[in-house]
Amino acid sequence: MLKRRDFLSKSLKGTAGLFAVSVLPIGLTACSDDDKSDVDTSAMANLGLLSELEKGNFPKKVPYKVTIKDAWEEQVMESFVYINKNKKDNSLLIMSPICTHLGCTVGDADVEMKENGVLFNCPCHGGQYDEYGMNVGGPPPRPLDTFKSYVQAGNVYIAVLSPEKRENK
């Protein structure tokens, strides 16, 4: 017959062993140095070929259409982003057109504003942004949000529901 103390000791060791074995795959995955290029892009907007997006004048307006599936419901979203090139590394800077003041859609500034360095203007309350989406006038508290881009098979994808907040420098 097994003593209570021996039973508890073996049970505890067995439980700890099972826990260690079940956590091992997660730990190995976290430490893995695999290429992260295989991102699920099924709920992301395809902006087009990277080679095409890097051509032409900047900043530019790029439309997108994406179907977002949430549980059993699907929703088609159509909108656009502004794209420019980063000053530092010449990579694509993908900006949301949503004003950081109250959420209106930012459009192109008029000719007079463009002469003063304002490229995007919010028609609701006069928010003004430069070519890099930095707030330069009006009530917006911070620059336009940006999107992290994912490149797969030469196409650029963004998660339209997950813009990254930028702060003033």
N, C-alpha and C. Protein backbone atom coordinates (compact mmCIF):
# COMPACT_ATOMS: atom_id res chain seq x y z
N MET A 1 0.84 -1.17 0.00
CA MET A 1 0.00 0.00 0.00
C MET A 1 0.89 1.25 0.00
N LEU A 2 0.49 2.27 -0.78
CA LEU A 2 1.25 3.52 -0.94
C LEU A 2 0.90 4.47 0.20
N LYS A 3 1.94 5.05 0.78
CA LYS A 3 1.72 6.01 1.86
C LYS A 3 1.23 7.32 1.27
N ARG A 4 0.50 8.07 2.08
CA ARG A 4 -0.06 9.35 1.65
C ARG A 4 1.03 10.30 1.17
N ARG A 5 2.12 10.39 1.88
CA ARG A 5 3.23 11.28 1.55
C ARG A 5 3.84 10.90 0.19
N ASP A 6 4.04 9.59 -0.04
CA ASP A 6 4.59 9.13 -1.31
C ASP A 6 3.61 9.40 -2.46
N PHE A 7 2.32 9.19 -2.21
CA PHE A 7 1.31 9.45 -3.22
C PHE A 7 1.31 10.92 -3.63
N LEU A 8 1.32 11.83 -2.66
CA LEU A 8 1.33 13.26 -2.96
C LEU A 8 2.61 13.66 -3.69
N SER A 9 3.73 13.11 -3.29
CA SER A 9 5.01 13.43 -3.93
C SER A 9 5.01 13.00 -5.40
N LYS A 10 4.57 11.75 -5.65
CA LYS A 10 4.54 11.25 -7.03
C LYS A 10 3.50 11.99 -7.87
N SER A 11 2.38 12.33 -7.28
CA SER A 11 1.35 13.08 -8.00
C SER A 11 1.86 14.46 -8.40
N LEU A 12 2.53 15.13 -7.48
CA LEU A 12 3.08 16.46 -7.75
C LEU A 12 4.14 16.40 -8.85
N LYS A 13 5.03 15.40 -8.77
CA LYS A 13 6.07 15.26 -9.79
C LYS A 13 5.45 14.94 -11.15
N GLY A 14 4.45 14.11 -11.18
CA GLY A 14 3.78 13.76 -12.44
C GLY A 14 3.08 14.97 -13.05
N THR A 15 2.42 15.74 -12.21
CA THR A 15 1.74 16.95 -12.69
C THR A 15 2.74 17.95 -13.24
N ALA A 16 3.85 18.14 -12.53
CA ALA A 16 4.89 19.06 -12.99
C ALA A 16 5.49 18.57 -14.31
N GLY A 17 5.68 17.28 -14.45
CA GLY A 17 6.21 16.72 -15.69
C GLY A 17 5.25 16.94 -16.86
N LEU A 18 3.96 16.70 -16.64
CA LEU A 18 2.97 16.92 -17.69
C LEU A 18 2.91 18.39 -18.09
N PHE A 19 3.00 19.26 -17.11
CA PHE A 19 2.99 20.70 -17.39
C PHE A 19 4.21 21.09 -18.24
N ALA A 20 5.37 20.59 -17.86
CA ALA A 20 6.60 20.91 -18.60
C ALA A 20 6.51 20.42 -20.04
N VAL A 21 6.00 19.23 -20.23
CA VAL A 21 5.89 18.67 -21.58
C VAL A 21 4.86 19.45 -22.41
N SER A 22 3.79 19.92 -21.79
CA SER A 22 2.77 20.66 -22.54
C SER A 22 3.23 22.08 -22.88
N VAL A 23 4.09 22.67 -22.09
CA VAL A 23 4.58 24.03 -22.33
C VAL A 23 5.77 24.02 -23.29
N LEU A 24 6.46 22.92 -23.43
CA LEU A 24 7.66 22.84 -24.25
C LEU A 24 7.43 23.29 -25.70
N PRO A 25 6.38 22.85 -26.40
CA PRO A 25 6.18 23.31 -27.78
C PRO A 25 6.00 24.83 -27.88
N ILE A 26 5.30 25.41 -26.92
CA ILE A 26 5.10 26.86 -26.93
C ILE A 26 6.44 27.58 -26.75
N GLY A 27 7.25 27.10 -25.84
CA GLY A 27 8.56 27.69 -25.62
C GLY A 27 9.47 27.56 -26.83
N LEU A 28 9.43 26.41 -27.48
CA LEU A 28 10.25 26.22 -28.67
C LEU A 28 9.79 27.12 -29.82
N THR A 29 8.49 27.30 -29.95
CA THR A 29 7.97 28.17 -30.98
C THR A 29 8.38 29.61 -30.73
N ALA A 30 8.31 30.05 -29.49
CA ALA A 30 8.69 31.43 -29.15
C ALA A 30 10.18 31.67 -29.40
N CYS A 31 10.99 30.67 -29.21
CA CYS A 31 12.43 30.81 -29.41
C CYS A 31 12.85 30.53 -30.84
N SER A 32 11.91 30.09 -31.64
CA SER A 32 12.22 29.73 -33.02
C SER A 32 12.65 30.94 -33.82
N ASP A 33 13.55 30.74 -34.74
CA ASP A 33 14.04 31.81 -35.60
C ASP A 33 13.50 31.64 -37.01
N ASP A 34 12.31 31.05 -37.12
CA ASP A 34 11.71 30.82 -38.43
C ASP A 34 11.37 32.14 -39.11
N ASP A 35 11.26 32.10 -40.43
CA ASP A 35 10.87 33.26 -41.21
C ASP A 35 9.39 33.55 -40.93
N LYS A 36 9.09 34.76 -40.53
CA LYS A 36 7.72 35.13 -40.18
C LYS A 36 6.94 35.65 -41.39
N SER A 37 7.38 35.34 -42.60
CA SER A 37 6.74 35.87 -43.80
C SER A 37 5.39 35.23 -44.08
N ASP A 38 5.09 34.11 -43.47
CA ASP A 38 3.81 33.45 -43.70
C ASP A 38 2.78 33.95 -42.70
N VAL A 39 2.24 35.12 -42.97
CA VAL A 39 1.23 35.74 -42.13
C VAL A 39 -0.12 35.49 -42.77
N ASP A 40 -1.14 35.21 -41.97
CA ASP A 40 -2.48 34.99 -42.51
C ASP A 40 -3.03 36.33 -42.99
N THR A 41 -3.16 36.46 -44.29
CA THR A 41 -3.62 37.72 -44.88
C THR A 41 -5.09 37.65 -45.30
N SER A 42 -5.81 36.63 -44.88
CA SER A 42 -7.19 36.46 -45.33
C SER A 42 -8.11 37.61 -44.90
N ALA A 43 -7.81 38.27 -43.79
CA ALA A 43 -8.64 39.39 -43.32
C ALA A 43 -7.92 40.72 -43.49
N MET A 44 -6.90 40.74 -44.37
CA MET A 44 -6.15 41.96 -44.60
C MET A 44 -6.45 42.51 -45.99
N ALA A 45 -6.28 43.81 -46.13
CA ALA A 45 -6.48 44.46 -47.42
C ALA A 45 -5.22 44.34 -48.27
N ASN A 46 -5.40 43.95 -49.52
CA ASN A 46 -4.29 43.86 -50.47
C ASN A 46 -4.22 45.20 -51.18
N LEU A 47 -3.10 45.92 -50.98
CA LEU A 47 -2.92 47.23 -51.61
C LEU A 47 -2.33 47.13 -53.01
N GLY A 48 -1.85 45.95 -53.38
CA GLY A 48 -1.27 45.76 -54.70
C GLY A 48 0.17 45.33 -54.62
N LEU A 49 0.80 45.24 -55.77
CA LEU A 49 2.20 44.81 -55.86
C LEU A 49 3.13 45.87 -55.28
N LEU A 50 4.09 45.43 -54.50
CA LEU A 50 5.08 46.34 -53.92
C LEU A 50 5.81 47.10 -55.02
N SER A 51 6.16 46.40 -56.09
CA SER A 51 6.89 47.05 -57.19
C SER A 51 6.08 48.19 -57.81
N GLU A 52 4.76 48.05 -57.85
CA GLU A 52 3.90 49.11 -58.40
C GLU A 52 3.70 50.23 -57.40
N LEU A 53 3.55 49.88 -56.12
CA LEU A 53 3.34 50.90 -55.10
C LEU A 53 4.57 51.81 -54.93
N GLU A 54 5.74 51.29 -55.22
CA GLU A 54 6.96 52.08 -55.08
C GLU A 54 7.20 53.02 -56.26
N LYS A 55 6.37 52.94 -57.30
CA LYS A 55 6.50 53.80 -58.47
C LYS A 55 5.64 55.05 -58.33
N GLY A 56 5.98 56.06 -59.10
CA GLY A 56 5.13 57.24 -59.20
C GLY A 56 5.43 58.31 -58.18
N ASN A 57 4.52 59.27 -58.14
CA ASN A 57 4.69 60.41 -57.23
C ASN A 57 4.14 60.08 -55.85
N PHE A 58 4.76 60.68 -54.85
CA PHE A 58 4.33 60.50 -53.46
C PHE A 58 4.00 61.85 -52.86
N PRO A 59 3.12 61.93 -51.91
CA PRO A 59 2.24 60.85 -51.43
C PRO A 59 1.15 60.55 -52.45
N LYS A 60 0.60 59.35 -52.33
CA LYS A 60 -0.47 58.96 -53.25
C LYS A 60 -1.58 58.26 -52.48
N LYS A 61 -2.75 58.31 -53.07
CA LYS A 61 -3.95 57.71 -52.50
C LYS A 61 -4.14 56.33 -53.13
N VAL A 62 -4.26 55.29 -52.29
CA VAL A 62 -4.42 53.93 -52.79
C VAL A 62 -5.71 53.33 -52.22
N PRO A 63 -6.67 53.00 -53.09
CA PRO A 63 -7.92 52.40 -52.62
C PRO A 63 -7.76 50.91 -52.30
N TYR A 64 -8.65 50.41 -51.47
CA TYR A 64 -8.68 48.97 -51.18
C TYR A 64 -10.10 48.52 -50.92
N LYS A 65 -10.30 47.23 -51.06
CA LYS A 65 -11.58 46.59 -50.75
C LYS A 65 -11.23 45.27 -50.09
N VAL A 66 -11.83 44.99 -48.93
CA VAL A 66 -11.51 43.77 -48.19
C VAL A 66 -12.79 43.23 -47.54
N THR A 67 -12.87 41.91 -47.46
CA THR A 67 -13.98 41.27 -46.76
C THR A 67 -13.47 40.79 -45.40
N ILE A 68 -14.08 41.31 -44.36
CA ILE A 68 -13.73 40.95 -42.99
C ILE A 68 -14.79 39.98 -42.48
N LYS A 69 -14.34 38.83 -41.98
CA LYS A 69 -15.27 37.83 -41.45
C LYS A 69 -15.14 37.82 -39.93
N ASP A 70 -16.25 38.08 -39.25
CA ASP A 70 -16.29 38.07 -37.80
C ASP A 70 -17.32 37.02 -37.38
N ALA A 71 -16.81 35.89 -36.92
CA ALA A 71 -17.66 34.75 -36.56
C ALA A 71 -18.48 34.34 -37.78
N TRP A 72 -19.77 34.53 -37.77
CA TRP A 72 -20.61 34.10 -38.88
C TRP A 72 -20.99 35.25 -39.81
N GLU A 73 -20.55 36.44 -39.51
CA GLU A 73 -20.92 37.61 -40.29
C GLU A 73 -19.75 38.13 -41.13
N GLU A 74 -20.01 38.44 -42.39
CA GLU A 74 -18.99 39.01 -43.27
C GLU A 74 -19.35 40.45 -43.58
N GLN A 75 -18.32 41.28 -43.65
CA GLN A 75 -18.52 42.69 -43.93
C GLN A 75 -17.51 43.13 -44.98
N VAL A 76 -17.97 43.77 -46.03
CA VAL A 76 -17.09 44.28 -47.07
C VAL A 76 -16.75 45.73 -46.72
N MET A 77 -15.46 46.02 -46.67
CA MET A 77 -15.01 47.37 -46.36
C MET A 77 -14.27 47.94 -47.58
N GLU A 78 -14.65 49.15 -47.95
CA GLU A 78 -13.97 49.85 -49.03
C GLU A 78 -13.50 51.19 -48.49
N SER A 79 -12.23 51.49 -48.71
CA SER A 79 -11.69 52.77 -48.27
C SER A 79 -10.39 53.02 -49.03
N PHE A 80 -9.51 53.78 -48.44
CA PHE A 80 -8.23 54.08 -49.06
C PHE A 80 -7.21 54.43 -47.99
N VAL A 81 -5.96 54.44 -48.37
CA VAL A 81 -4.87 54.88 -47.51
C VAL A 81 -4.01 55.86 -48.30
N TYR A 82 -3.22 56.63 -47.59
CA TYR A 82 -2.23 57.48 -48.23
C TYR A 82 -0.87 56.81 -48.05
N ILE A 83 -0.09 56.80 -49.11
CA ILE A 83 1.23 56.18 -49.05
C ILE A 83 2.30 57.20 -49.41
N ASN A 84 3.35 57.23 -48.61
CA ASN A 84 4.52 58.05 -48.87
C ASN A 84 5.74 57.20 -48.59
N LYS A 85 6.90 57.74 -48.82
CA LYS A 85 8.15 57.04 -48.50
C LYS A 85 8.72 57.63 -47.22
N ASN A 86 9.17 56.77 -46.31
CA ASN A 86 9.81 57.22 -45.07
C ASN A 86 11.09 57.98 -45.40
N LYS A 87 11.33 59.05 -44.66
CA LYS A 87 12.55 59.84 -44.86
C LYS A 87 13.80 59.03 -44.53
N LYS A 88 13.74 58.25 -43.47
CA LYS A 88 14.92 57.55 -42.96
C LYS A 88 15.39 56.41 -43.86
N ASP A 89 14.48 55.48 -44.16
CA ASP A 89 14.91 54.26 -44.85
C ASP A 89 14.25 54.04 -46.22
N ASN A 90 13.46 55.01 -46.68
CA ASN A 90 12.82 54.94 -47.99
C ASN A 90 11.78 53.82 -48.10
N SER A 91 11.37 53.25 -46.96
CA SER A 91 10.32 52.23 -46.97
C SER A 91 8.96 52.92 -47.12
N LEU A 92 7.93 52.13 -47.38
CA LEU A 92 6.60 52.71 -47.54
C LEU A 92 6.01 53.12 -46.20
N LEU A 93 5.47 54.32 -46.15
CA LEU A 93 4.75 54.84 -44.99
C LEU A 93 3.28 54.81 -45.38
N ILE A 94 2.51 53.92 -44.77
CA ILE A 94 1.10 53.74 -45.11
C ILE A 94 0.26 54.39 -44.02
N MET A 95 -0.45 55.46 -44.41
CA MET A 95 -1.18 56.28 -43.44
C MET A 95 -2.69 56.11 -43.57
N SER A 96 -3.34 56.08 -42.43
CA SER A 96 -4.79 56.05 -42.37
C SER A 96 -5.34 57.43 -42.75
N PRO A 97 -6.47 57.49 -43.46
CA PRO A 97 -7.06 58.78 -43.79
C PRO A 97 -8.00 59.31 -42.70
N ILE A 98 -7.98 58.70 -41.53
CA ILE A 98 -8.90 59.08 -40.46
C ILE A 98 -8.25 60.14 -39.57
N CYS A 99 -8.89 61.29 -39.47
CA CYS A 99 -8.37 62.40 -38.66
C CYS A 99 -8.30 61.98 -37.19
N THR A 100 -7.21 62.33 -36.55
CA THR A 100 -7.02 61.95 -35.14
C THR A 100 -7.76 62.88 -34.18
N HIS A 101 -8.47 63.88 -34.71
CA HIS A 101 -9.25 64.76 -33.85
C HIS A 101 -10.57 64.09 -33.47
N LEU A 102 -11.44 63.91 -34.46
CA LEU A 102 -12.75 63.31 -34.17
C LEU A 102 -13.15 62.21 -35.14
N GLY A 103 -12.22 61.74 -35.96
CA GLY A 103 -12.49 60.59 -36.80
C GLY A 103 -13.10 60.85 -38.16
N CYS A 104 -13.06 62.08 -38.64
CA CYS A 104 -13.54 62.37 -40.00
C CYS A 104 -12.50 61.86 -41.00
N THR A 105 -12.91 61.78 -42.27
CA THR A 105 -11.98 61.35 -43.31
C THR A 105 -11.24 62.55 -43.87
N VAL A 106 -9.93 62.45 -43.87
CA VAL A 106 -9.05 63.52 -44.34
C VAL A 106 -8.95 63.44 -45.87
N GLY A 107 -9.02 64.60 -46.52
CA GLY A 107 -8.90 64.66 -47.97
C GLY A 107 -7.71 65.49 -48.39
N ASP A 108 -7.58 65.68 -49.70
CA ASP A 108 -6.49 66.50 -50.23
C ASP A 108 -6.74 67.96 -49.90
N ALA A 109 -5.67 68.67 -49.59
CA ALA A 109 -5.76 70.10 -49.29
C ALA A 109 -5.90 70.89 -50.59
N ASP A 110 -6.42 72.11 -50.47
CA ASP A 110 -6.53 72.95 -51.67
C ASP A 110 -5.16 73.53 -52.04
N VAL A 111 -5.09 74.16 -53.19
CA VAL A 111 -3.83 74.66 -53.74
C VAL A 111 -3.14 75.63 -52.78
N GLU A 112 -3.89 76.54 -52.20
CA GLU A 112 -3.30 77.54 -51.28
C GLU A 112 -2.67 76.86 -50.06
N MET A 113 -3.35 75.87 -49.52
CA MET A 113 -2.80 75.14 -48.36
C MET A 113 -1.54 74.38 -48.76
N LYS A 114 -1.55 73.78 -49.94
CA LYS A 114 -0.39 73.01 -50.40
C LYS A 114 0.84 73.90 -50.52
N GLU A 115 0.65 75.16 -50.89
CA GLU A 115 1.76 76.11 -50.97
C GLU A 115 2.38 76.37 -49.60
N ASN A 116 1.60 76.14 -48.54
CA ASN A 116 2.07 76.32 -47.16
C ASN A 116 2.48 75.00 -46.50
N GLY A 117 2.64 73.93 -47.28
CA GLY A 117 3.12 72.66 -46.75
C GLY A 117 2.05 71.74 -46.21
N VAL A 118 0.77 72.09 -46.39
CA VAL A 118 -0.32 71.24 -45.92
C VAL A 118 -0.80 70.41 -47.11
N LEU A 119 -0.71 69.08 -46.99
CA LEU A 119 -1.16 68.22 -48.09
C LEU A 119 -2.50 67.56 -47.84
N PHE A 120 -2.82 67.33 -46.56
CA PHE A 120 -4.10 66.70 -46.22
C PHE A 120 -4.87 67.61 -45.29
N ASN A 121 -6.18 67.73 -45.56
CA ASN A 121 -7.02 68.63 -44.79
C ASN A 121 -8.27 67.89 -44.34
N CYS A 122 -8.63 68.08 -43.08
CA CYS A 122 -9.87 67.50 -42.57
C CYS A 122 -10.98 68.54 -42.72
N PRO A 123 -12.02 68.24 -43.49
CA PRO A 123 -13.08 69.23 -43.74
C PRO A 123 -13.98 69.50 -42.53
N CYS A 124 -13.97 68.63 -41.55
CA CYS A 124 -14.87 68.78 -40.40
C CYS A 124 -14.48 69.95 -39.49
N HIS A 125 -13.22 69.98 -39.05
CA HIS A 125 -12.80 71.00 -38.09
C HIS A 125 -11.48 71.65 -38.46
N GLY A 126 -11.05 71.49 -39.70
CA GLY A 126 -9.86 72.19 -40.17
C GLY A 126 -8.53 71.57 -39.77
N GLY A 127 -8.50 70.29 -39.51
CA GLY A 127 -7.23 69.63 -39.19
C GLY A 127 -6.33 69.61 -40.41
N GLN A 128 -5.04 69.87 -40.20
CA GLN A 128 -4.10 69.94 -41.31
C GLN A 128 -2.91 69.01 -41.05
N TYR A 129 -2.49 68.32 -42.12
CA TYR A 129 -1.38 67.37 -42.04
C TYR A 129 -0.43 67.60 -43.20
N ASP A 130 0.85 67.35 -42.96
CA ASP A 130 1.84 67.47 -44.04
C ASP A 130 1.90 66.17 -44.84
N GLU A 131 2.85 66.07 -45.76
CA GLU A 131 2.96 64.91 -46.65
C GLU A 131 3.27 63.61 -45.92
N TYR A 132 3.78 63.70 -44.68
CA TYR A 132 4.09 62.50 -43.89
C TYR A 132 3.02 62.23 -42.83
N GLY A 133 1.90 62.96 -42.92
CA GLY A 133 0.80 62.75 -41.98
C GLY A 133 1.01 63.40 -40.62
N MET A 134 2.01 64.27 -40.52
CA MET A 134 2.26 64.96 -39.25
C MET A 134 1.27 66.12 -39.13
N ASN A 135 0.66 66.27 -37.95
CA ASN A 135 -0.30 67.34 -37.75
C ASN A 135 0.43 68.68 -37.69
N VAL A 136 0.02 69.60 -38.56
CA VAL A 136 0.69 70.90 -38.65
C VAL A 136 -0.25 72.08 -38.41
N GLY A 137 -1.53 71.80 -38.22
CA GLY A 137 -2.48 72.87 -37.96
C GLY A 137 -3.83 72.33 -37.55
N GLY A 138 -4.61 73.16 -36.89
CA GLY A 138 -5.94 72.76 -36.47
C GLY A 138 -5.92 71.97 -35.17
N PRO A 139 -7.03 71.34 -34.84
CA PRO A 139 -7.17 70.66 -33.55
C PRO A 139 -6.60 69.24 -33.42
N PRO A 140 -6.16 68.54 -34.49
CA PRO A 140 -5.70 67.16 -34.28
C PRO A 140 -4.56 67.10 -33.26
N PRO A 141 -4.68 66.20 -32.28
CA PRO A 141 -3.67 66.11 -31.22
C PRO A 141 -2.40 65.36 -31.60
N ARG A 142 -2.44 64.62 -32.71
CA ARG A 142 -1.29 63.80 -33.09
C ARG A 142 -1.34 63.49 -34.59
N PRO A 143 -0.27 62.93 -35.14
CA PRO A 143 -0.23 62.61 -36.57
C PRO A 143 -1.24 61.53 -36.96
N LEU A 144 -1.41 61.38 -38.28
CA LEU A 144 -2.27 60.30 -38.78
C LEU A 144 -1.70 58.95 -38.36
N ASP A 145 -2.58 58.02 -38.06
CA ASP A 145 -2.15 56.67 -37.71
C ASP A 145 -1.54 56.00 -38.95
N THR A 146 -0.74 54.98 -38.71
CA THR A 146 -0.11 54.25 -39.81
C THR A 146 -0.48 52.77 -39.73
N PHE A 147 -0.19 52.05 -40.78
CA PHE A 147 -0.42 50.61 -40.82
C PHE A 147 0.90 49.90 -41.02
N LYS A 148 1.08 48.81 -40.30
CA LYS A 148 2.23 47.94 -40.53
C LYS A 148 1.91 47.15 -41.79
N SER A 149 2.89 47.04 -42.66
CA SER A 149 2.66 46.32 -43.91
C SER A 149 3.28 44.93 -43.86
N TYR A 150 2.66 44.01 -44.57
CA TYR A 150 3.13 42.64 -44.70
C TYR A 150 3.24 42.34 -46.19
N VAL A 151 4.38 41.86 -46.62
CA VAL A 151 4.58 41.55 -48.03
C VAL A 151 4.56 40.04 -48.21
N GLN A 152 3.66 39.57 -49.08
CA GLN A 152 3.57 38.15 -49.40
C GLN A 152 3.38 38.02 -50.91
N ALA A 153 4.22 37.21 -51.51
CA ALA A 153 4.18 36.97 -52.95
C ALA A 153 4.21 38.29 -53.73
N GLY A 154 4.96 39.26 -53.21
CA GLY A 154 5.11 40.55 -53.88
C GLY A 154 4.01 41.54 -53.64
N ASN A 155 2.92 41.13 -52.95
CA ASN A 155 1.80 42.02 -52.65
C ASN A 155 1.94 42.61 -51.25
N VAL A 156 1.46 43.84 -51.09
CA VAL A 156 1.50 44.53 -49.79
C VAL A 156 0.12 44.42 -49.14
N TYR A 157 0.09 43.92 -47.91
CA TYR A 157 -1.15 43.77 -47.15
C TYR A 157 -1.09 44.61 -45.89
N ILE A 158 -2.27 45.09 -45.46
CA ILE A 158 -2.39 45.80 -44.18
C ILE A 158 -3.60 45.27 -43.42
N ALA A 159 -3.51 45.28 -42.10
CA ALA A 159 -4.65 44.91 -41.25
C ALA A 159 -5.44 46.20 -41.00
N VAL A 160 -6.50 46.40 -41.77
CA VAL A 160 -7.23 47.67 -41.75
C VAL A 160 -7.89 47.97 -40.40
N LEU A 161 -8.11 46.96 -39.60
CA LEU A 161 -8.74 47.18 -38.29
C LEU A 161 -7.72 47.44 -37.18
N SER A 162 -6.42 47.48 -37.55
CA SER A 162 -5.38 47.65 -36.54
C SER A 162 -4.35 48.72 -36.90
N PRO A 163 -4.80 49.98 -37.01
CA PRO A 163 -3.81 51.03 -37.27
C PRO A 163 -2.93 51.24 -36.05
N GLU A 164 -1.70 51.70 -36.29
CA GLU A 164 -0.77 51.97 -35.20
C GLU A 164 -0.76 53.46 -34.91
N LYS A 165 -0.95 53.77 -33.64
CA LYS A 165 -1.02 55.15 -33.18
C LYS A 165 0.37 55.78 -33.22
N ARG A 166 0.46 57.00 -33.75
CA ARG A 166 1.72 57.75 -33.74
C ARG A 166 1.59 58.93 -32.81
N GLU A 167 2.69 59.31 -32.23
CA GLU A 167 2.71 60.49 -31.34
C GLU A 167 3.60 61.55 -31.96
N ASN A 168 3.40 62.79 -31.56
CA ASN A 168 4.26 63.89 -32.01
C ASN A 168 5.65 63.70 -31.45
N LYS A 169 6.64 64.08 -32.23
CA LYS A 169 8.03 63.93 -31.78
C LYS A 169 8.51 65.18 -31.09
